[in-house]
Amino acid sequence: MTACIGWVATAAFAISYFCRTPKSLRLVQAVAALMWVTYGFLIHALPVVVANVIVALAAVYSSLAPPRKSPLA
């Protein structure tokens, strides 16, 4: 079961490269990162957990933050 979570997380991460909008990219990345967090806990790998908590938080934050205006616009 643990290996399945890792494989599904890998697939979700790979799928994120096919997202067409920034919002869908961040959503898929957040979901994949949370799966990696689960996997990291199950295999007792703190670096995997910490790295993916950071990625998930960044993905969620950047999805909820108001869009920034480009200085070139």
Protein backbone atom coordinates (compact mmCIF):
# COMPACT_ATOMS: atom_id res chain seq x y z
CA MET A 1 0.00 0.00 0.00
CA THR A 2 2.82 2.41 0.85
CA ALA A 3 4.47 1.91 -2.51
CA CYS A 4 1.14 2.61 -4.23
CA ILE A 5 0.96 6.03 -2.57
CA GLY A 6 4.46 6.80 -3.82
CA TRP A 7 3.59 5.72 -7.36
CA VAL A 8 0.36 7.73 -7.40
CA ALA A 9 2.25 10.77 -6.09
CA THR A 10 4.80 10.30 -8.87
CA ALA A 11 2.02 10.10 -11.46
CA ALA A 12 0.30 13.21 -10.08
CA PHE A 13 3.58 15.13 -10.18
CA ALA A 14 4.18 14.04 -13.78
CA ILE A 15 0.62 15.01 -14.75
CA SER A 16 1.27 18.52 -13.44
CA TYR A 17 3.53 19.11 -16.46
CA PHE A 18 0.45 18.85 -18.70
CA CYS A 19 -1.60 21.49 -16.85
CA ARG A 20 -2.56 24.39 -19.09
CA THR A 21 -3.38 27.02 -16.48
CA PRO A 22 -1.32 28.20 -13.52
CA LYS A 23 -4.24 27.51 -11.16
CA SER A 24 -4.61 23.88 -12.25
CA LEU A 25 -0.82 23.44 -12.08
CA ARG A 26 -0.72 24.65 -8.49
CA LEU A 27 -3.69 22.50 -7.51
CA VAL A 28 -2.16 19.34 -8.95
CA GLN A 29 1.21 20.20 -7.38
CA ALA A 30 -0.43 20.73 -3.98
CA VAL A 31 -2.28 17.40 -4.18
CA ALA A 32 0.86 15.56 -5.30
CA ALA A 33 2.90 17.17 -2.53
CA LEU A 34 0.34 16.09 0.08
CA MET A 35 0.55 12.54 -1.26
CA TRP A 36 4.36 12.74 -0.92
CA VAL A 37 3.92 13.97 2.66
CA THR A 38 1.77 10.93 3.40
CA TYR A 39 4.33 8.68 1.75
CA GLY A 40 7.15 10.33 3.70
CA PHE A 41 5.37 9.72 7.00
CA LEU A 42 4.73 6.10 6.12
CA ILE A 43 8.38 5.43 5.30
CA HIS A 44 9.63 7.62 8.18
CA ALA A 45 11.52 9.98 5.86
CA LEU A 46 11.48 13.42 7.45
CA PRO A 47 13.26 15.15 4.53
CA VAL A 48 10.52 13.95 2.16
CA VAL A 49 7.86 15.23 4.56
CA VAL A 50 9.46 18.64 5.13
CA ALA A 51 10.29 19.29 1.48
CA ASN A 52 6.77 18.47 0.35
CA VAL A 53 5.07 20.41 3.13
CA ILE A 54 6.99 23.43 1.82
CA VAL A 55 5.93 22.68 -1.77
CA ALA A 56 2.28 22.16 -0.77
CA LEU A 57 2.20 25.39 1.25
CA ALA A 58 3.81 27.34 -1.60
CA ALA A 59 1.32 25.92 -4.10
CA VAL A 60 -1.67 26.72 -1.90
CA TYR A 61 -0.36 30.19 -1.00
CA SER A 62 0.34 31.11 -4.61
CA SER A 63 -3.14 29.90 -5.58
CA LEU A 64 -4.84 32.05 -2.97
CA ALA A 65 -2.65 35.16 -3.22
CA PRO A 66 -4.00 37.97 -5.37
CA PRO A 67 -2.33 38.19 -8.78
CA ARG A 68 0.63 40.54 -8.97
CA LYS A 69 0.82 43.20 -11.63
CA SER A 70 3.73 42.84 -13.99
CA PRO A 71 6.19 45.73 -13.89
CA LEU A 72 6.29 45.48 -17.69
CA ALA A 73 2.54 46.03 -18.12
